[in-house]
Amino acid sequence: RQYFWEAFPSKDLHGSQQESRTTYMFTYLDADERRPSLAQMFDDYLGLLPDYSGAKGTGGEKPKIDEMEVSRALFGFFPSYTDSP
């Protein structure tokens, strides 16, 4: 599978002056049962987030996921059909 990422600065929901980012990951897959589950893709997102978010640790290094303050996580999917109306 191939993931696509978007990351950009955003307003901190907690009111701090720390740099905040909004990060999206998406992919295109059919519903074949051999494909990864939605839960597996969300696990992939969390595992890859430090690499792709552009976030920096206190020393400017890439943070570990448990060092990141995640304000909110949203996960969704958009079903599509080849024989749609």
C-alpha atoms as a PDB file:
ATOM      1  CA  ARG A   1       0.000   0.000   0.000  1.00  0.00           C
ATOM      2  CA  GLN A   2       1.047   3.547  -0.584  1.00  0.00           C
ATOM      3  CA  TYR A   3       0.295   6.299   1.900  1.00  0.00           C
ATOM      4  CA  PHE A   4       0.040   9.984   1.073  1.00  0.00           C
ATOM      5  CA  TRP A   5       0.748  12.645   3.698  1.00  0.00           C
ATOM      6  CA  GLU A   6      -0.121  16.284   4.240  1.00  0.00           C
ATOM      7  CA  ALA A   7       1.175  18.307   7.186  1.00  0.00           C
ATOM      8  CA  PHE A   8       0.836  22.016   7.848  1.00  0.00           C
ATOM      9  CA  PRO A   9       0.951  24.477  10.752  1.00  0.00           C
ATOM     10  CA  SER A  10      -2.247  24.910  12.761  1.00  0.00           C
ATOM     11  CA  LYS A  11      -3.510  26.722  15.841  1.00  0.00           C
ATOM     12  CA  ASP A  12      -2.818  24.982  19.154  1.00  0.00           C
ATOM     13  CA  LEU A  13      -6.116  23.850  20.681  1.00  0.00           C
ATOM     14  CA  HIS A  14      -4.702  24.099  24.212  1.00  0.00           C
ATOM     15  CA  GLY A  15      -3.849  27.797  23.995  1.00  0.00           C
ATOM     16  CA  SER A  16      -0.092  27.375  24.337  1.00  0.00           C
ATOM     17  CA  GLN A  17       2.431  29.132  22.162  1.00  0.00           C
ATOM     18  CA  GLN A  18       4.016  25.855  21.027  1.00  0.00           C
ATOM     19  CA  GLU A  19       4.152  25.075  17.340  1.00  0.00           C
ATOM     20  CA  SER A  20       1.213  22.901  16.316  1.00  0.00           C
ATOM     21  CA  ARG A  21       0.630  20.880  13.184  1.00  0.00           C
ATOM     22  CA  THR A  22      -2.273  19.170  11.486  1.00  0.00           C
ATOM     23  CA  THR A  23      -1.282  15.965   9.737  1.00  0.00           C
ATOM     24  CA  TYR A  24      -3.280  13.799   7.359  1.00  0.00           C
ATOM     25  CA  MET A  25      -2.477  10.388   5.967  1.00  0.00           C
ATOM     26  CA  PHE A  26      -4.600   8.807   3.282  1.00  0.00           C
ATOM     27  CA  THR A  27      -4.517   5.995   0.774  1.00  0.00           C
ATOM     28  CA  TYR A  28      -6.662   4.429  -1.919  1.00  0.00           C
ATOM     29  CA  LEU A  29      -7.681   0.783  -1.470  1.00  0.00           C
ATOM     30  CA  ASP A  30     -10.468  -1.473  -2.568  1.00  0.00           C
ATOM     31  CA  ALA A  31     -12.436  -3.519  -0.035  1.00  0.00           C
ATOM     32  CA  ASP A  32     -10.769  -6.834  -0.803  1.00  0.00           C
ATOM     33  CA  GLU A  33     -10.488  -8.913   2.382  1.00  0.00           C
ATOM     34  CA  ARG A  34      -6.741  -9.336   1.774  1.00  0.00           C
ATOM     35  CA  ARG A  35      -6.231  -5.614   2.374  1.00  0.00           C
ATOM     36  CA  PRO A  36      -5.180  -4.308   5.799  1.00  0.00           C
ATOM     37  CA  SER A  37      -7.927  -3.517   8.270  1.00  0.00           C
ATOM     38  CA  LEU A  38      -8.853   0.050   9.173  1.00  0.00           C
ATOM     39  CA  ALA A  39      -7.333  -0.586  12.618  1.00  0.00           C
ATOM     40  CA  GLN A  40      -4.035  -1.670  11.028  1.00  0.00           C
ATOM     41  CA  MET A  41      -3.926   1.470   8.898  1.00  0.00           C
ATOM     42  CA  PHE A  42      -4.509   3.626  11.987  1.00  0.00           C
ATOM     43  CA  ASP A  43      -1.676   1.785  13.767  1.00  0.00           C
ATOM     44  CA  ASP A  44       0.507   2.520  10.720  1.00  0.00           C
ATOM     45  CA  TYR A  45      -0.442   6.198  10.961  1.00  0.00           C
ATOM     46  CA  LEU A  46       0.584   6.413  14.627  1.00  0.00           C
ATOM     47  CA  GLY A  47       3.821   4.539  13.963  1.00  0.00           C
ATOM     48  CA  LEU A  48       4.764   6.772  11.038  1.00  0.00           C
ATOM     49  CA  LEU A  49       3.520  10.076  12.490  1.00  0.00           C
ATOM     50  CA  PRO A  50       6.853  11.170  14.048  1.00  0.00           C
ATOM     51  CA  ASP A  51       8.572  10.729  10.670  1.00  0.00           C
ATOM     52  CA  TYR A  52       6.010  12.529   8.545  1.00  0.00           C
ATOM     53  CA  SER A  53       4.472  15.179  10.806  1.00  0.00           C
ATOM     54  CA  GLY A  54       7.376  17.596  10.696  1.00  0.00           C
ATOM     55  CA  ALA A  55       7.227  17.864  14.501  1.00  0.00           C
ATOM     56  CA  LYS A  56      10.420  18.546  16.434  1.00  0.00           C
ATOM     57  CA  GLY A  57      11.427  17.516  19.948  1.00  0.00           C
ATOM     58  CA  THR A  58      12.803  19.970  22.514  1.00  0.00           C
ATOM     59  CA  GLY A  59      16.300  19.627  21.042  1.00  0.00           C
ATOM     60  CA  GLY A  60      15.106  19.862  17.441  1.00  0.00           C
ATOM     61  CA  GLU A  61      15.165  16.087  16.948  1.00  0.00           C
ATOM     62  CA  LYS A  62      12.339  13.896  15.675  1.00  0.00           C
ATOM     63  CA  PRO A  63      10.112  13.071  18.679  1.00  0.00           C
ATOM     64  CA  LYS A  64       8.911   9.630  19.699  1.00  0.00           C
ATOM     65  CA  ILE A  65       5.150   9.113  19.406  1.00  0.00           C
ATOM     66  CA  ASP A  66       4.732   9.026  23.203  1.00  0.00           C
ATOM     67  CA  GLU A  67       6.459  12.436  23.443  1.00  0.00           C
ATOM     68  CA  MET A  68       3.983  14.055  21.058  1.00  0.00           C
ATOM     69  CA  GLU A  69       0.906  15.813  22.427  1.00  0.00           C
ATOM     70  CA  VAL A  70      -1.925  14.698  20.195  1.00  0.00           C
ATOM     71  CA  SER A  71      -4.948  16.964  20.555  1.00  0.00           C
ATOM     72  CA  ARG A  72      -7.371  14.884  18.570  1.00  0.00           C
ATOM     73  CA  ALA A  73      -7.361  11.893  16.270  1.00  0.00           C
ATOM     74  CA  LEU A  74      -9.931  11.479  13.549  1.00  0.00           C
ATOM     75  CA  PHE A  75     -10.174   8.398  11.390  1.00  0.00           C
ATOM     76  CA  GLY A  76     -12.581   7.836   8.536  1.00  0.00           C
ATOM     77  CA  PHE A  77     -13.094   6.138   5.244  1.00  0.00           C
ATOM     78  CA  PHE A  78     -15.006   6.914   2.099  1.00  0.00           C
ATOM     79  CA  PRO A  79     -16.541   3.866   0.424  1.00  0.00           C
ATOM     80  CA  SER A  80     -16.954   3.927  -3.323  1.00  0.00           C
ATOM     81  CA  TYR A  81     -18.556   1.530  -5.739  1.00  0.00           C
ATOM     82  CA  THR A  82     -17.850   0.609  -9.324  1.00  0.00           C
ATOM     83  CA  ASP A  83     -21.577   0.229 -10.048  1.00  0.00           C
ATOM     84  CA  SER A  84     -22.884   3.363  -8.372  1.00  0.00           C
ATOM     85  CA  PRO A  85     -26.052   5.278  -9.325  1.00  0.00           C
END
